[in-house]
Amino acid sequence: ASSDPRTWARRLKLLRSFMRWLLQFEPGCEVPADAIFGRLPDR
């Protein structure tokens, strides 16, 4: 139940590579940008 946008951004980042892969089967799907909840540090 986090209210921290950085936590949301980290969770969203876990979907990004899968959504790119999914485009080959579902071209209408969207790939989340990395700044929706604010950018994260690299590590």
PDB file of all heavy atoms in Angstrom:
ATOM      1  N   ALA A   1       0.830  -1.212   0.000  1.00  0.00           N
ATOM      2  CA  ALA A   1       0.000   0.000   0.000  1.00  0.00           C
ATOM      3  C   ALA A   1       0.862   1.259   0.000  1.00  0.00           C
ATOM      4  O   ALA A   1       0.584   2.230   0.706  1.00  0.00           O
ATOM      5  CB  ALA A   1      -0.957  -0.003   1.183  1.00  0.00           C
ATOM      6  N   SER A   2       1.921   1.248  -0.781  1.00  0.00           N
ATOM      7  CA  SER A   2       2.839   2.377  -0.806  1.00  0.00           C
ATOM      8  C   SER A   2       2.200   3.587  -1.487  1.00  0.00           C
ATOM      9  O   SER A   2       1.460   3.458  -2.453  1.00  0.00           O
ATOM     10  CB  SER A   2       4.122   1.998  -1.556  1.00  0.00           C
ATOM     11  OG  SER A   2       4.968   3.111  -1.693  1.00  0.00           O
ATOM     12  N   SER A   3       2.527   4.770  -0.963  1.00  0.00           N
ATOM     13  CA  SER A   3       2.095   6.025  -1.586  1.00  0.00           C
ATOM     14  C   SER A   3       3.285   6.758  -2.198  1.00  0.00           C
ATOM     15  O   SER A   3       3.176   7.933  -2.559  1.00  0.00           O
ATOM     16  CB  SER A   3       1.424   6.927  -0.544  1.00  0.00           C
ATOM     17  OG  SER A   3       2.332   7.215   0.530  1.00  0.00           O
ATOM     18  N   ASP A   4       4.408   6.057  -2.339  1.00  0.00           N
ATOM     19  CA  ASP A   4       5.630   6.653  -2.864  1.00  0.00           C
ATOM     20  C   ASP A   4       5.681   6.467  -4.386  1.00  0.00           C
ATOM     21  O   ASP A   4       5.736   5.324  -4.870  1.00  0.00           O
ATOM     22  CB  ASP A   4       6.842   5.988  -2.218  1.00  0.00           C
ATOM     23  CG  ASP A   4       8.160   6.652  -2.606  1.00  0.00           C
ATOM     24  OD1 ASP A   4       8.162   7.491  -3.530  1.00  0.00           O
ATOM     25  OD2 ASP A   4       9.190   6.308  -2.005  1.00  0.00           O
ATOM     26  N   PRO A   5       5.667   7.533  -5.173  1.00  0.00           N
ATOM     27  CA  PRO A   5       5.740   7.393  -6.633  1.00  0.00           C
ATOM     28  C   PRO A   5       6.965   6.624  -7.109  1.00  0.00           C
ATOM     29  O   PRO A   5       6.927   6.003  -8.169  1.00  0.00           O
ATOM     30  CB  PRO A   5       5.777   8.857  -7.125  1.00  0.00           C
ATOM     31  CG  PRO A   5       5.100   9.628  -6.046  1.00  0.00           C
ATOM     32  CD  PRO A   5       5.494   8.940  -4.768  1.00  0.00           C
ATOM     33  N   ARG A   6       8.046   6.643  -6.328  1.00  0.00           N
ATOM     34  CA  ARG A   6       9.232   5.880  -6.731  1.00  0.00           C
ATOM     35  C   ARG A   6       8.964   4.382  -6.695  1.00  0.00           C
ATOM     36  O   ARG A   6       9.464   3.633  -7.537  1.00  0.00           O
ATOM     37  CB  ARG A   6      10.415   6.234  -5.828  1.00  0.00           C
ATOM     38  CG  ARG A   6      10.946   7.658  -6.013  1.00  0.00           C
ATOM     39  CD  ARG A   6      12.001   7.980  -4.996  1.00  0.00           C
ATOM     40  NE  ARG A   6      11.477   7.904  -3.630  1.00  0.00           N
ATOM     41  CZ  ARG A   6      12.195   8.125  -2.543  1.00  0.00           C
ATOM     42  NH1 ARG A   6      13.495   8.419  -2.652  1.00  0.00           N
ATOM     43  NH2 ARG A   6      11.652   8.054  -1.347  1.00  0.00           N
ATOM     44  N   THR A   7       8.170   3.936  -5.724  1.00  0.00           N
ATOM     45  CA  THR A   7       7.780   2.532  -5.675  1.00  0.00           C
ATOM     46  C   THR A   7       6.932   2.182  -6.888  1.00  0.00           C
ATOM     47  O   THR A   7       7.124   1.139  -7.518  1.00  0.00           O
ATOM     48  CB  THR A   7       6.994   2.238  -4.385  1.00  0.00           C
ATOM     49  OG1 THR A   7       7.831   2.480  -3.260  1.00  0.00           O
ATOM     50  CG2 THR A   7       6.511   0.792  -4.357  1.00  0.00           C
ATOM     51  N   TRP A   8       5.981   3.051  -7.238  1.00  0.00           N
ATOM     52  CA  TRP A   8       5.152   2.813  -8.418  1.00  0.00           C
ATOM     53  C   TRP A   8       6.018   2.776  -9.679  1.00  0.00           C
ATOM     54  O   TRP A   8       5.799   1.936 -10.557  1.00  0.00           O
ATOM     55  CB  TRP A   8       4.096   3.910  -8.554  1.00  0.00           C
ATOM     56  CG  TRP A   8       3.223   4.092  -7.355  1.00  0.00           C
ATOM     57  CD1 TRP A   8       2.996   3.184  -6.354  1.00  0.00           C
ATOM     58  CD2 TRP A   8       2.475   5.265  -7.018  1.00  0.00           C
ATOM     59  NE1 TRP A   8       2.147   3.722  -5.417  1.00  0.00           N
ATOM     60  CE2 TRP A   8       1.804   4.983  -5.790  1.00  0.00           C
ATOM     61  CE3 TRP A   8       2.295   6.505  -7.616  1.00  0.00           C
ATOM     62  CZ2 TRP A   8       0.972   5.913  -5.183  1.00  0.00           C
ATOM     63  CZ3 TRP A   8       1.471   7.436  -7.013  1.00  0.00           C
ATOM     64  CH2 TRP A   8       0.810   7.145  -5.811  1.00  0.00           C
ATOM     65  N   ALA A   9       6.985   3.658  -9.754  1.00  0.00           N
ATOM     66  CA  ALA A   9       7.857   3.703 -10.933  1.00  0.00           C
ATOM     67  C   ALA A   9       8.678   2.431 -11.054  1.00  0.00           C
ATOM     68  O   ALA A   9       8.877   1.913 -12.161  1.00  0.00           O
ATOM     69  CB  ALA A   9       8.780   4.926 -10.848  1.00  0.00           C
ATOM     70  N   ARG A  10       9.155   1.901  -9.923  1.00  0.00           N
ATOM     71  CA  ARG A  10       9.926   0.660  -9.963  1.00  0.00           C
ATOM     72  C   ARG A  10       9.059  -0.502 -10.421  1.00  0.00           C
ATOM     73  O   ARG A  10       9.501  -1.355 -11.191  1.00  0.00           O
ATOM     74  CB  ARG A  10      10.535   0.373  -8.586  1.00  0.00           C
ATOM     75  CG  ARG A  10      11.736   1.250  -8.246  1.00  0.00           C
ATOM     76  CD  ARG A  10      12.457   0.749  -7.030  1.00  0.00           C
ATOM     77  NE  ARG A  10      11.732   1.020  -5.811  1.00  0.00           N
ATOM     78  CZ  ARG A  10      11.893   2.105  -5.069  1.00  0.00           C
ATOM     79  NH1 ARG A  10      12.758   3.035  -5.439  1.00  0.00           N
ATOM     80  NH2 ARG A  10      11.204   2.285  -3.958  1.00  0.00           N
ATOM     81  N   ARG A  11       7.809  -0.530  -9.958  1.00  0.00           N
ATOM     82  CA  ARG A  11       6.904  -1.597 -10.386  1.00  0.00           C
ATOM     83  C   ARG A  11       6.597  -1.491 -11.884  1.00  0.00           C
ATOM     84  O   ARG A  11       6.591  -2.489 -12.600  1.00  0.00           O
ATOM     85  CB  ARG A  11       5.612  -1.538  -9.564  1.00  0.00           C
ATOM     86  CG  ARG A  11       5.758  -2.128  -8.172  1.00  0.00           C
ATOM     87  CD  ARG A  11       4.598  -1.794  -7.268  1.00  0.00           C
ATOM     88  NE  ARG A  11       3.306  -2.261  -7.741  1.00  0.00           N
ATOM     89  CZ  ARG A  11       2.847  -3.514  -7.639  1.00  0.00           C
ATOM     90  NH1 ARG A  11       3.618  -4.445  -7.093  1.00  0.00           N
ATOM     91  NH2 ARG A  11       1.636  -3.839  -8.052  1.00  0.00           N
ATOM     92  N   LEU A  12       6.370  -0.285 -12.342  1.00  0.00           N
ATOM     93  CA  LEU A  12       6.068  -0.086 -13.757  1.00  0.00           C
ATOM     94  C   LEU A  12       7.257  -0.485 -14.632  1.00  0.00           C
ATOM     95  O   LEU A  12       7.084  -1.039 -15.726  1.00  0.00           O
ATOM     96  CB  LEU A  12       5.691   1.376 -13.996  1.00  0.00           C
ATOM     97  CG  LEU A  12       4.873   1.693 -15.253  1.00  0.00           C
ATOM     98  CD1 LEU A  12       3.550   0.954 -15.234  1.00  0.00           C
ATOM     99  CD2 LEU A  12       4.644   3.192 -15.359  1.00  0.00           C
ATOM    100  N   LYS A  13       8.466  -0.227 -14.135  1.00  0.00           N
ATOM    101  CA  LYS A  13       9.669  -0.570 -14.883  1.00  0.00           C
ATOM    102  C   LYS A  13       9.764  -2.079 -15.135  1.00  0.00           C
ATOM    103  O   LYS A  13      10.286  -2.522 -16.165  1.00  0.00           O
ATOM    104  CB  LYS A  13      10.907  -0.081 -14.123  1.00  0.00           C
ATOM    105  CG  LYS A  13      12.220  -0.277 -14.863  1.00  0.00           C
ATOM    106  CD  LYS A  13      13.374   0.307 -14.060  1.00  0.00           C
ATOM    107  CE  LYS A  13      14.684   0.119 -14.797  1.00  0.00           C
ATOM    108  NZ  LYS A  13      15.838   0.684 -14.023  1.00  0.00           N
ATOM    109  N   LEU A  14       9.231  -2.880 -14.206  1.00  0.00           N
ATOM    110  CA  LEU A  14       9.274  -4.337 -14.353  1.00  0.00           C
ATOM    111  C   LEU A  14       8.421  -4.825 -15.515  1.00  0.00           C
ATOM    112  O   LEU A  14       8.601  -5.952 -15.989  1.00  0.00           O
ATOM    113  CB  LEU A  14       8.813  -5.005 -13.056  1.00  0.00           C
ATOM    114  CG  LEU A  14       9.728  -4.829 -11.843  1.00  0.00           C
ATOM    115  CD1 LEU A  14       9.042  -5.326 -10.579  1.00  0.00           C
ATOM    116  CD2 LEU A  14      11.045  -5.567 -12.057  1.00  0.00           C
ATOM    117  N   LEU A  15       7.486  -4.005 -15.983  1.00  0.00           N
ATOM    118  CA  LEU A  15       6.615  -4.394 -17.094  1.00  0.00           C
ATOM    119  C   LEU A  15       7.189  -4.023 -18.456  1.00  0.00           C
ATOM    120  O   LEU A  15       6.733  -4.550 -19.476  1.00  0.00           O
ATOM    121  CB  LEU A  15       5.237  -3.714 -16.952  1.00  0.00           C
ATOM    122  CG  LEU A  15       4.453  -3.947 -15.662  1.00  0.00           C
ATOM    123  CD1 LEU A  15       3.103  -3.240 -15.756  1.00  0.00           C
ATOM    124  CD2 LEU A  15       4.260  -5.428 -15.391  1.00  0.00           C
ATOM    125  N   ARG A  16       8.162  -3.122 -18.499  1.00  0.00           N
ATOM    126  CA  ARG A  16       8.537  -2.484 -19.762  1.00  0.00           C
ATOM    127  C   ARG A  16       9.060  -3.473 -20.800  1.00  0.00           C
ATOM    128  O   ARG A  16       8.624  -3.463 -21.957  1.00  0.00           O
ATOM    129  CB  ARG A  16       9.559  -1.377 -19.485  1.00  0.00           C
ATOM    130  CG  ARG A  16       9.725  -0.397 -20.653  1.00  0.00           C
ATOM    131  CD  ARG A  16      10.483   0.838 -20.216  1.00  0.00           C
ATOM    132  NE  ARG A  16       9.730   1.570 -19.211  1.00  0.00           N
ATOM    133  CZ  ARG A  16      10.218   2.002 -18.067  1.00  0.00           C
ATOM    134  NH1 ARG A  16      11.470   1.749 -17.746  1.00  0.00           N
ATOM    135  NH2 ARG A  16       9.459   2.666 -17.219  1.00  0.00           N
ATOM    136  N   SER A  17      10.004  -4.326 -20.433  1.00  0.00           N
ATOM    137  CA  SER A  17      10.566  -5.254 -21.418  1.00  0.00           C
ATOM    138  C   SER A  17       9.517  -6.258 -21.889  1.00  0.00           C
ATOM    139  O   SER A  17       9.501  -6.656 -23.064  1.00  0.00           O
ATOM    140  CB  SER A  17      11.789  -5.975 -20.840  1.00  0.00           C
ATOM    141  OG  SER A  17      11.428  -6.755 -19.710  1.00  0.00           O
ATOM    142  N   PHE A  18       8.626  -6.669 -20.983  1.00  0.00           N
ATOM    143  CA  PHE A  18       7.562  -7.594 -21.380  1.00  0.00           C
ATOM    144  C   PHE A  18       6.617  -6.926 -22.375  1.00  0.00           C
ATOM    145  O   PHE A  18       6.202  -7.543 -23.364  1.00  0.00           O
ATOM    146  CB  PHE A  18       6.775  -8.054 -20.151  1.00  0.00           C
ATOM    147  CG  PHE A  18       5.508  -8.795 -20.497  1.00  0.00           C
ATOM    148  CD1 PHE A  18       5.558 -10.075 -21.035  1.00  0.00           C
ATOM    149  CD2 PHE A  18       4.267  -8.213 -20.298  1.00  0.00           C
ATOM    150  CE1 PHE A  18       4.399 -10.762 -21.367  1.00  0.00           C
ATOM    151  CE2 PHE A  18       3.101  -8.879 -20.618  1.00  0.00           C
ATOM    152  CZ  PHE A  18       3.158 -10.159 -21.161  1.00  0.00           C
ATOM    153  N   MET A  19       6.269  -5.674 -22.139  1.00  0.00           N
ATOM    154  CA  MET A  19       5.340  -4.994 -23.045  1.00  0.00           C
ATOM    155  C   MET A  19       5.955  -4.805 -24.428  1.00  0.00           C
ATOM    156  O   MET A  19       5.260  -4.901 -25.447  1.00  0.00           O
ATOM    157  CB  MET A  19       4.902  -3.655 -22.451  1.00  0.00           C
ATOM    158  CG  MET A  19       4.082  -3.763 -21.172  1.00  0.00           C
ATOM    159  SD  MET A  19       2.632  -4.853 -21.314  1.00  0.00           S
ATOM    160  CE  MET A  19       1.716  -4.024 -22.616  1.00  0.00           C
ATOM    161  N   ARG A  20       7.259  -4.554 -24.489  1.00  0.00           N
ATOM    162  CA  ARG A  20       7.918  -4.471 -25.801  1.00  0.00           C
ATOM    163  C   ARG A  20       7.832  -5.823 -26.517  1.00  0.00           C
ATOM    164  O   ARG A  20       7.582  -5.884 -27.720  1.00  0.00           O
ATOM    165  CB  ARG A  20       9.379  -4.053 -25.633  1.00  0.00           C
ATOM    166  CG  ARG A  20       9.588  -2.626 -25.142  1.00  0.00           C
ATOM    167  CD  ARG A  20      11.040  -2.198 -25.362  1.00  0.00           C
ATOM    168  NE  ARG A  20      11.308  -0.912 -24.719  1.00  0.00           N
ATOM    169  CZ  ARG A  20      11.930  -0.779 -23.561  1.00  0.00           C
ATOM    170  NH1 ARG A  20      12.340  -1.847 -22.893  1.00  0.00           N
ATOM    171  NH2 ARG A  20      12.147   0.417 -23.041  1.00  0.00           N
ATOM    172  N   TRP A  21       8.069  -6.893 -25.769  1.00  0.00           N
ATOM    173  CA  TRP A  21       7.984  -8.245 -26.343  1.00  0.00           C
ATOM    174  C   TRP A  21       6.560  -8.540 -26.789  1.00  0.00           C
ATOM    175  O   TRP A  21       6.341  -9.168 -27.842  1.00  0.00           O
ATOM    176  CB  TRP A  21       8.441  -9.239 -25.278  1.00  0.00           C
ATOM    177  CG  TRP A  21       8.322 -10.681 -25.645  1.00  0.00           C
ATOM    178  CD1 TRP A  21       9.251 -11.456 -26.290  1.00  0.00           C
ATOM    179  CD2 TRP A  21       7.211 -11.559 -25.375  1.00  0.00           C
ATOM    180  NE1 TRP A  21       8.799 -12.742 -26.433  1.00  0.00           N
ATOM    181  CE2 TRP A  21       7.548 -12.837 -25.879  1.00  0.00           C
ATOM    182  CE3 TRP A  21       5.979 -11.379 -24.754  1.00  0.00           C
ATOM    183  CZ2 TRP A  21       6.689 -13.927 -25.788  1.00  0.00           C
ATOM    184  CZ3 TRP A  21       5.116 -12.457 -24.662  1.00  0.00           C
ATOM    185  CH2 TRP A  21       5.460 -13.710 -25.164  1.00  0.00           C
ATOM    186  N   LEU A  22       5.570  -8.074 -26.036  1.00  0.00           N
ATOM    187  CA  LEU A  22       4.165  -8.363 -26.318  1.00  0.00           C
ATOM    188  C   LEU A  22       3.680  -7.708 -27.605  1.00  0.00           C
ATOM    189  O   LEU A  22       2.717  -8.177 -28.225  1.00  0.00           O
ATOM    190  CB  LEU A  22       3.309  -7.903 -25.136  1.00  0.00           C
ATOM    191  CG  LEU A  22       1.823  -8.282 -25.135  1.00  0.00           C
ATOM    192  CD1 LEU A  22       1.640  -9.795 -25.145  1.00  0.00           C
ATOM    193  CD2 LEU A  22       1.126  -7.670 -23.927  1.00  0.00           C
ATOM    194  N   LEU A  23       4.349  -6.643 -28.056  1.00  0.00           N
ATOM    195  CA  LEU A  23       3.912  -5.926 -29.256  1.00  0.00           C
ATOM    196  C   LEU A  23       3.882  -6.818 -30.495  1.00  0.00           C
ATOM    197  O   LEU A  23       3.098  -6.580 -31.419  1.00  0.00           O
ATOM    198  CB  LEU A  23       4.826  -4.726 -29.512  1.00  0.00           C
ATOM    199  CG  LEU A  23       4.667  -3.538 -28.556  1.00  0.00           C
ATOM    200  CD1 LEU A  23       5.739  -2.490 -28.825  1.00  0.00           C
ATOM    201  CD2 LEU A  23       3.276  -2.934 -28.690  1.00  0.00           C
ATOM    202  N   GLN A  24       4.704  -7.862 -30.517  1.00  0.00           N
ATOM    203  CA  GLN A  24       4.718  -8.746 -31.688  1.00  0.00           C
ATOM    204  C   GLN A  24       3.429  -9.540 -31.811  1.00  0.00           C
ATOM    205  O   GLN A  24       3.071  -9.990 -32.900  1.00  0.00           O
ATOM    206  CB  GLN A  24       5.911  -9.694 -31.617  1.00  0.00           C
ATOM    207  CG  GLN A  24       5.882 -10.653 -30.423  1.00  0.00           C
ATOM    208  CD  GLN A  24       7.140 -11.478 -30.312  1.00  0.00           C
ATOM    209  OE1 GLN A  24       7.526 -12.180 -31.252  1.00  0.00           O
ATOM    210  NE2 GLN A  24       7.805 -11.393 -29.148  1.00  0.00           N
ATOM    211  N   PHE A  25       2.709  -9.700 -30.705  1.00  0.00           N
ATOM    212  CA  PHE A  25       1.440 -10.427 -30.723  1.00  0.00           C
ATOM    213  C   PHE A  25       0.249  -9.475 -30.641  1.00  0.00           C
ATOM    214  O   PHE A  25      -0.818  -9.769 -31.179  1.00  0.00           O
ATOM    215  CB  PHE A  25       1.379 -11.410 -29.546  1.00  0.00           C
ATOM    216  CG  PHE A  25       2.554 -12.346 -29.479  1.00  0.00           C
ATOM    217  CD1 PHE A  25       3.563 -12.158 -28.532  1.00  0.00           C
ATOM    218  CD2 PHE A  25       2.674 -13.400 -30.368  1.00  0.00           C
ATOM    219  CE1 PHE A  25       4.637 -13.012 -28.462  1.00  0.00           C
ATOM    220  CE2 PHE A  25       3.757 -14.266 -30.312  1.00  0.00           C
ATOM    221  CZ  PHE A  25       4.744 -14.072 -29.357  1.00  0.00           C
ATOM    222  N   GLU A  26       0.419  -8.358 -29.951  1.00  0.00           N
ATOM    223  CA  GLU A  26      -0.663  -7.399 -29.735  1.00  0.00           C
ATOM    224  C   GLU A  26      -0.153  -5.994 -30.068  1.00  0.00           C
ATOM    225  O   GLU A  26       0.247  -5.238 -29.177  1.00  0.00           O
ATOM    226  CB  GLU A  26      -1.142  -7.459 -28.278  1.00  0.00           C
ATOM    227  CG  GLU A  26      -1.663  -8.807 -27.839  1.00  0.00           C
ATOM    228  CD  GLU A  26      -3.007  -9.151 -28.492  1.00  0.00           C
ATOM    229  OE1 GLU A  26      -3.679  -8.230 -28.985  1.00  0.00           O
ATOM    230  OE2 GLU A  26      -3.361 -10.339 -28.508  1.00  0.00           O
ATOM    231  N   PRO A  27      -0.132  -5.630 -31.358  1.00  0.00           N
ATOM    232  CA  PRO A  27       0.459  -4.346 -31.763  1.00  0.00           C
ATOM    233  C   PRO A  27      -0.204  -3.130 -31.127  1.00  0.00           C
ATOM    234  O   PRO A  27       0.405  -2.061 -31.055  1.00  0.00           O
ATOM    235  CB  PRO A  27       0.263  -4.344 -33.289  1.00  0.00           C
ATOM    236  CG  PRO A  27       0.116  -5.784 -33.656  1.00  0.00           C
ATOM    237  CD  PRO A  27      -0.585  -6.430 -32.504  1.00  0.00           C
ATOM    238  N   GLY A  28      -1.436  -3.268 -30.667  1.00  0.00           N
ATOM    239  CA  GLY A  28      -2.128  -2.119 -30.086  1.00  0.00           C
ATOM    240  C   GLY A  28      -1.761  -1.819 -28.654  1.00  0.00           C
ATOM    241  O   GLY A  28      -2.179  -0.787 -28.100  1.00  0.00           O
ATOM    242  N   CYS A  29      -0.980  -2.691 -28.029  1.00  0.00           N
ATOM    243  CA  CYS A  29      -0.591  -2.463 -26.628  1.00  0.00           C
ATOM    244  C   CYS A  29       0.390  -1.303 -26.521  1.00  0.00           C
ATOM    245  O   CYS A  29       1.112  -0.980 -27.468  1.00  0.00           O
ATOM    246  CB  CYS A  29       0.030  -3.729 -26.046  1.00  0.00           C
ATOM    247  SG  CYS A  29      -1.139  -5.078 -25.794  1.00  0.00           S
ATOM    248  N   GLU A  30       0.425  -0.683 -25.372  1.00  0.00           N
ATOM    249  CA  GLU A  30       1.319   0.441 -25.131  1.00  0.00           C
ATOM    250  C   GLU A  30       2.509   0.013 -24.284  1.00  0.00           C
ATOM    251  O   GLU A  30       2.419  -0.930 -23.493  1.00  0.00           O
ATOM    252  CB  GLU A  30       0.558   1.577 -24.436  1.00  0.00           C
ATOM    253  CG  GLU A  30      -0.594   2.122 -25.268  1.00  0.00           C
ATOM    254  CD  GLU A  30      -1.374   3.211 -24.557  1.00  0.00           C
ATOM    255  OE1 GLU A  30      -1.146   3.408 -23.342  1.00  0.00           O
ATOM    256  OE2 GLU A  30      -2.211   3.842 -25.204  1.00  0.00           O
ATOM    257  N   VAL A  31       3.618   0.725 -24.452  1.00  0.00           N
ATOM    258  CA  VAL A  31       4.817   0.501 -23.642  1.00  0.00           C
ATOM    259  C   VAL A  31       4.972   1.714 -22.727  1.00  0.00           C
ATOM    260  O   VAL A  31       5.029   2.855 -23.217  1.00  0.00           O
ATOM    261  CB  VAL A  31       6.068   0.334 -24.512  1.00  0.00           C
ATOM    262  CG1 VAL A  31       7.312   0.190 -23.634  1.00  0.00           C
ATOM    263  CG2 VAL A  31       5.919  -0.870 -25.434  1.00  0.00           C
ATOM    264  N   PRO A  32       5.018   1.511 -21.415  1.00  0.00           N
ATOM    265  CA  PRO A  32       5.078   2.662 -20.496  1.00  0.00           C
ATOM    266  C   PRO A  32       6.391   3.413 -20.617  1.00  0.00           C
ATOM    267  O   PRO A  32       7.457   2.812 -20.711  1.00  0.00           O
ATOM    268  CB  PRO A  32       4.919   2.025 -19.119  1.00  0.00           C
ATOM    269  CG  PRO A  32       5.422   0.625 -19.296  1.00  0.00           C
ATOM    270  CD  PRO A  32       5.049   0.228 -20.696  1.00  0.00           C
ATOM    271  N   ALA A  33       6.315   4.730 -20.624  1.00  0.00           N
ATOM    272  CA  ALA A  33       7.522   5.553 -20.600  1.00  0.00           C
ATOM    273  C   ALA A  33       8.154   5.466 -19.218  1.00  0.00           C
ATOM    274  O   ALA A  33       7.530   5.025 -18.248  1.00  0.00           O
ATOM    275  CB  ALA A  33       7.175   7.003 -20.943  1.00  0.00           C
ATOM    276  N   ASP A  34       9.418   5.904 -19.114  1.00  0.00           N
ATOM    277  CA  ASP A  34      10.125   5.764 -17.844  1.00  0.00           C
ATOM    278  C   ASP A  34       9.967   6.979 -16.940  1.00  0.00           C
ATOM    279  O   ASP A  34      10.647   7.100 -15.930  1.00  0.00           O
ATOM    280  CB  ASP A  34      11.614   5.487 -18.082  1.00  0.00           C
ATOM    281  CG  ASP A  34      12.301   6.602 -18.855  1.00  0.00           C
ATOM    282  OD1 ASP A  34      11.626   7.608 -19.180  1.00  0.00           O
ATOM    283  OD2 ASP A  34      13.500   6.471 -19.134  1.00  0.00           O
ATOM    284  N   ALA A  35       9.065   7.911 -17.297  1.00  0.00           N
ATOM    285  CA  ALA A  35       8.925   9.115 -16.490  1.00  0.00           C
ATOM    286  C   ALA A  35       7.488   9.355 -16.034  1.00  0.00           C
ATOM    287  O   ALA A  35       7.155  10.452 -15.593  1.00  0.00           O
ATOM    288  CB  ALA A  35       9.425  10.325 -17.277  1.00  0.00           C
ATOM    289  N   ILE A  36       6.647   8.327 -16.116  1.00  0.00           N
ATOM    290  CA  ILE A  36       5.245   8.507 -15.732  1.00  0.00           C
ATOM    291  C   ILE A  36       5.121   8.903 -14.266  1.00  0.00           C
ATOM    292  O   ILE A  36       4.363   9.794 -13.895  1.00  0.00           O
ATOM    293  CB  ILE A  36       4.450   7.216 -16.017  1.00  0.00           C
ATOM    294  CG1 ILE A  36       4.375   6.976 -17.526  1.00  0.00           C
ATOM    295  CG2 ILE A  36       3.044   7.298 -15.416  1.00  0.00           C
ATOM    296  CD1 ILE A  36       3.714   5.671 -17.901  1.00  0.00           C
ATOM    297  N   PHE A  37       5.881   8.230 -13.408  1.00  0.00           N
ATOM    298  CA  PHE A  37       5.876   8.554 -11.983  1.00  0.00           C
ATOM    299  C   PHE A  37       7.168   9.242 -11.560  1.00  0.00           C
ATOM    300  O   PHE A  37       7.471   9.334 -10.374  1.00  0.00           O
ATOM    301  CB  PHE A  37       5.675   7.291 -11.149  1.00  0.00           C
ATOM    302  CG  PHE A  37       4.355   6.613 -11.370  1.00  0.00           C
ATOM    303  CD1 PHE A  37       4.304   5.302 -11.811  1.00  0.00           C
ATOM    304  CD2 PHE A  37       3.159   7.282 -11.142  1.00  0.00           C
ATOM    305  CE1 PHE A  37       3.088   4.662 -12.010  1.00  0.00           C
ATOM    306  CE2 PHE A  37       1.948   6.663 -11.340  1.00  0.00           C
ATOM    307  CZ  PHE A  37       1.900   5.346 -11.781  1.00  0.00           C
ATOM    308  N   GLY A  38       7.944   9.712 -12.519  1.00  0.00           N
ATOM    309  CA  GLY A  38       9.236  10.310 -12.211  1.00  0.00           C
ATOM    310  C   GLY A  38      10.348   9.320 -12.502  1.00  0.00           C
ATOM    311  O   GLY A  38      10.187   8.108 -12.378  1.00  0.00           O
ATOM    312  N   ARG A  39      11.489   9.816 -12.918  1.00  0.00           N
ATOM    313  CA  ARG A  39      12.610   8.950 -13.278  1.00  0.00           C
ATOM    314  C   ARG A  39      13.278   8.368 -12.030  1.00  0.00           C
ATOM    315  O   ARG A  39      13.332   8.992 -10.986  1.00  0.00           O
ATOM    316  CB  ARG A  39      13.639   9.720 -14.106  1.00  0.00           C
ATOM    317  CG  ARG A  39      13.102  10.155 -15.469  1.00  0.00           C
ATOM    318  CD  ARG A  39      14.183  10.788 -16.321  1.00  0.00           C
ATOM    319  NE  ARG A  39      13.649  11.238 -17.594  1.00  0.00           N
ATOM    320  CZ  ARG A  39      13.488  10.445 -18.655  1.00  0.00           C
ATOM    321  NH1 ARG A  39      13.837   9.179 -18.577  1.00  0.00           N
ATOM    322  NH2 ARG A  39      12.993  10.918 -19.786  1.00  0.00           N
ATOM    323  N   LEU A  40      13.793   7.150 -12.214  1.00  0.00           N
ATOM    324  CA  LEU A  40      14.499   6.472 -11.128  1.00  0.00           C
ATOM    325  C   LEU A  40      16.003   6.536 -11.377  1.00  0.00           C
ATOM    326  O   LEU A  40      16.447   6.576 -12.527  1.00  0.00           O
ATOM    327  CB  LEU A  40      14.082   4.995 -11.067  1.00  0.00           C
ATOM    328  CG  LEU A  40      12.682   4.688 -10.556  1.00  0.00           C
ATOM    329  CD1 LEU A  40      12.361   3.223 -10.804  1.00  0.00           C
ATOM    330  CD2 LEU A  40      12.578   5.007  -9.075  1.00  0.00           C
ATOM    331  N   PRO A  41      16.799   6.530 -10.315  1.00  0.00           N
ATOM    332  CA  PRO A  41      18.240   6.371 -10.511  1.00  0.00           C
ATOM    333  C   PRO A  41      18.531   5.003 -11.113  1.00  0.00           C
ATOM    334  O   PRO A  41      17.727   4.074 -11.010  1.00  0.00           O
ATOM    335  CB  PRO A  41      18.814   6.496  -9.091  1.00  0.00           C
ATOM    336  CG  PRO A  41      17.676   6.141  -8.194  1.00  0.00           C
ATOM    337  CD  PRO A  41      16.428   6.618  -8.891  1.00  0.00           C
ATOM    338  N   ASP A  42      19.705   4.876 -11.773  1.00  0.00           N
ATOM    339  CA  ASP A  42      20.031   3.618 -12.447  1.00  0.00           C
ATOM    340  C   ASP A  42      20.068   2.445 -11.480  1.00  0.00           C
ATOM    341  O   ASP A  42      19.653   1.341 -11.796  1.00  0.00           O
ATOM    342  CB  ASP A  42      21.381   3.737 -13.165  1.00  0.00           C
ATOM    343  CG  ASP A  42      21.299   4.685 -14.361  1.00  0.00           C
ATOM    344  OD1 ASP A  42      20.180   4.878 -14.867  1.00  0.00           O
ATOM    345  OD2 ASP A  42      22.347   5.211 -14.752  1.00  0.00           O
ATOM    346  N   ARG A  43      20.601   2.650 -10.289  1.00  0.00           N
ATOM    347  CA  ARG A  43      20.686   1.577  -9.298  1.00  0.00           C
ATOM    348  C   ARG A  43      20.095   2.064  -7.980  1.00  0.00           C
ATOM    349  O   ARG A  43      20.354   3.187  -7.552  1.00  0.00           O
ATOM    350  CB  ARG A  43      22.139   1.133  -9.075  1.00  0.00           C
ATOM    351  CG  ARG A  43      22.770   0.461 -10.286  1.00  0.00           C
ATOM    352  CD  ARG A  43      24.194   0.071  -9.966  1.00  0.00           C
ATOM    353  NE  ARG A  43      24.265  -0.928  -8.932  1.00  0.00           N
ATOM    354  CZ  ARG A  43      24.232  -2.245  -9.144  1.00  0.00           C
ATOM    355  NH1 ARG A  43      24.137  -2.711 -10.366  1.00  0.00           N
ATOM    356  NH2 ARG A  43      24.323  -3.099  -8.141  1.00  0.00           N
TER     357      ARG A  43
END
